[in-house]
Amino acid sequence: MKRCLYCNRDHDDALEDCQHCGMPLPQTQASEVASKQRWFIIFWLVLVAFCFVMFFTLPR
Protein backbone atom coordinates (compact mmCIF):
# COMPACT_ATOMS: atom_id res chain seq x y z
CA MET A 1 0.00 0.00 0.00
CA LYS A 2 1.18 3.46 -0.86
CA ARG A 3 0.44 6.35 1.46
CA CYS A 4 -0.16 9.82 0.04
CA LEU A 5 2.39 12.27 1.43
CA TYR A 6 -0.13 15.13 1.32
CA CYS A 7 -3.43 13.74 2.66
CA ASN A 8 -2.12 10.56 4.42
CA ARG A 9 -4.61 8.19 2.80
CA ASP A 10 -3.70 4.65 1.76
CA HIS A 11 -4.02 3.57 -1.89
CA ASP A 12 -3.28 0.48 -3.98
CA ASP A 13 0.26 0.03 -5.24
CA ALA A 14 -0.95 0.13 -8.87
CA LEU A 15 -2.14 3.73 -8.63
CA GLU A 16 0.17 6.56 -9.55
CA ASP A 17 -1.95 9.49 -8.30
CA CYS A 18 -3.95 9.96 -5.09
CA GLN A 19 -7.68 9.51 -5.68
CA HIS A 20 -8.49 12.01 -2.96
CA CYS A 21 -6.19 14.99 -3.62
CA GLY A 22 -4.75 14.15 -7.06
CA MET A 23 -1.10 14.46 -6.01
CA PRO A 24 1.44 11.88 -7.27
CA LEU A 25 2.03 8.94 -4.92
CA PRO A 26 5.60 8.01 -3.91
CA GLN A 27 7.23 5.24 -5.92
CA THR A 28 8.28 1.97 -4.28
CA GLN A 29 11.86 2.26 -3.13
CA ALA A 30 14.30 -0.32 -4.48
CA SER A 31 16.20 -0.08 -1.19
CA GLU A 32 13.20 -1.54 0.69
CA VAL A 33 13.21 -4.59 -1.57
CA ALA A 34 16.99 -4.96 -1.31
CA SER A 35 16.79 -4.73 2.47
CA LYS A 36 14.20 -7.52 2.65
CA GLN A 37 16.27 -9.71 0.34
CA ARG A 38 19.39 -9.05 2.41
CA TRP A 39 17.69 -10.18 5.63
CA PHE A 40 16.30 -13.27 3.90
CA ILE A 41 19.80 -14.26 2.72
CA ILE A 42 21.33 -13.58 6.14
CA PHE A 43 18.64 -15.72 7.82
CA TRP A 44 19.39 -18.70 5.56
CA LEU A 45 23.14 -18.35 5.95
CA VAL A 46 22.82 -18.33 9.75
CA LEU A 47 20.50 -21.34 9.60
CA VAL A 48 22.90 -23.31 7.41
CA ALA A 49 25.87 -22.37 9.62
CA PHE A 50 23.94 -23.45 12.73
CA CYS A 51 23.05 -26.82 11.17
CA PHE A 52 26.67 -27.31 10.06
CA VAL A 53 27.97 -26.62 13.59
CA MET A 54 25.37 -28.87 15.19
CA PHE A 55 26.16 -31.69 12.77
CA PHE A 56 29.80 -31.79 13.88
CA THR A 57 29.42 -30.96 17.58
CA LEU A 58 26.54 -33.16 18.72
CA PRO A 59 27.49 -36.60 20.05
CA ARG A 60 26.81 -39.54 17.76
C-alpha atoms as a PDB file:
ATOM      1  CA  MET A   1       0.000   0.000   0.000  1.00  0.00           C
ATOM      2  CA  LYS A   2       1.184   3.460  -0.861  1.00  0.00           C
ATOM      3  CA  ARG A   3       0.441   6.355   1.460  1.00  0.00           C
ATOM      4  CA  CYS A   4      -0.156   9.816   0.042  1.00  0.00           C
ATOM      5  CA  LEU A   5       2.394  12.266   1.432  1.00  0.00           C
ATOM      6  CA  TYR A   6      -0.127  15.131   1.318  1.00  0.00           C
ATOM      7  CA  CYS A   7      -3.432  13.742   2.657  1.00  0.00           C
ATOM      8  CA  ASN A   8      -2.118  10.561   4.422  1.00  0.00           C
ATOM      9  CA  ARG A   9      -4.614   8.194   2.804  1.00  0.00           C
ATOM     10  CA  ASP A  10      -3.700   4.650   1.755  1.00  0.00           C
ATOM     11  CA  HIS A  11      -4.015   3.575  -1.887  1.00  0.00           C
ATOM     12  CA  ASP A  12      -3.282   0.479  -3.977  1.00  0.00           C
ATOM     13  CA  ASP A  13       0.264   0.029  -5.243  1.00  0.00           C
ATOM     14  CA  ALA A  14      -0.949   0.126  -8.870  1.00  0.00           C
ATOM     15  CA  LEU A  15      -2.145   3.727  -8.626  1.00  0.00           C
ATOM     16  CA  GLU A  16       0.172   6.561  -9.548  1.00  0.00           C
ATOM     17  CA  ASP A  17      -1.949   9.492  -8.296  1.00  0.00           C
ATOM     18  CA  CYS A  18      -3.948   9.955  -5.094  1.00  0.00           C
ATOM     19  CA  GLN A  19      -7.682   9.514  -5.685  1.00  0.00           C
ATOM     20  CA  HIS A  20      -8.493  12.015  -2.961  1.00  0.00           C
ATOM     21  CA  CYS A  21      -6.193  14.992  -3.621  1.00  0.00           C
ATOM     22  CA  GLY A  22      -4.750  14.149  -7.055  1.00  0.00           C
ATOM     23  CA  MET A  23      -1.096  14.456  -6.013  1.00  0.00           C
ATOM     24  CA  PRO A  24       1.442  11.877  -7.269  1.00  0.00           C
ATOM     25  CA  LEU A  25       2.027   8.944  -4.917  1.00  0.00           C
ATOM     26  CA  PRO A  26       5.604   8.009  -3.908  1.00  0.00           C
ATOM     27  CA  GLN A  27       7.229   5.243  -5.917  1.00  0.00           C
ATOM     28  CA  THR A  28       8.280   1.969  -4.284  1.00  0.00           C
ATOM     29  CA  GLN A  29      11.862   2.255  -3.126  1.00  0.00           C
ATOM     30  CA  ALA A  30      14.297  -0.319  -4.477  1.00  0.00           C
ATOM     31  CA  SER A  31      16.197  -0.081  -1.189  1.00  0.00           C
ATOM     32  CA  GLU A  32      13.198  -1.535   0.685  1.00  0.00           C
ATOM     33  CA  VAL A  33      13.211  -4.588  -1.573  1.00  0.00           C
ATOM     34  CA  ALA A  34      16.990  -4.960  -1.309  1.00  0.00           C
ATOM     35  CA  SER A  35      16.786  -4.726   2.473  1.00  0.00           C
ATOM     36  CA  LYS A  36      14.199  -7.524   2.655  1.00  0.00           C
ATOM     37  CA  GLN A  37      16.268  -9.706   0.339  1.00  0.00           C
ATOM     38  CA  ARG A  38      19.388  -9.054   2.411  1.00  0.00           C
ATOM     39  CA  TRP A  39      17.686 -10.180   5.629  1.00  0.00           C
ATOM     40  CA  PHE A  40      16.298 -13.267   3.898  1.00  0.00           C
ATOM     41  CA  ILE A  41      19.796 -14.264   2.724  1.00  0.00           C
ATOM     42  CA  ILE A  42      21.326 -13.577   6.144  1.00  0.00           C
ATOM     43  CA  PHE A  43      18.642 -15.722   7.817  1.00  0.00           C
ATOM     44  CA  TRP A  44      19.390 -18.703   5.561  1.00  0.00           C
ATOM     45  CA  LEU A  45      23.145 -18.346   5.954  1.00  0.00           C
ATOM     46  CA  VAL A  46      22.816 -18.327   9.746  1.00  0.00           C
ATOM     47  CA  LEU A  47      20.497 -21.337   9.604  1.00  0.00           C
ATOM     48  CA  VAL A  48      22.903 -23.315   7.410  1.00  0.00           C
ATOM     49  CA  ALA A  49      25.869 -22.368   9.617  1.00  0.00           C
ATOM     50  CA  PHE A  50      23.940 -23.452  12.733  1.00  0.00           C
ATOM     51  CA  CYS A  51      23.054 -26.818  11.168  1.00  0.00           C
ATOM     52  CA  PHE A  52      26.670 -27.315  10.060  1.00  0.00           C
ATOM     53  CA  VAL A  53      27.972 -26.616  13.586  1.00  0.00           C
ATOM     54  CA  MET A  54      25.367 -28.873  15.194  1.00  0.00           C
ATOM     55  CA  PHE A  55      26.156 -31.692  12.773  1.00  0.00           C
ATOM     56  CA  PHE A  56      29.805 -31.795  13.877  1.00  0.00           C
ATOM     57  CA  THR A  57      29.419 -30.955  17.576  1.00  0.00           C
ATOM     58  CA  LEU A  58      26.541 -33.158  18.725  1.00  0.00           C
ATOM     59  CA  PRO A  59      27.489 -36.600  20.052  1.00  0.00           C
ATOM     60  CA  ARG A  60      26.805 -39.537  17.762  1.00  0.00           C
END
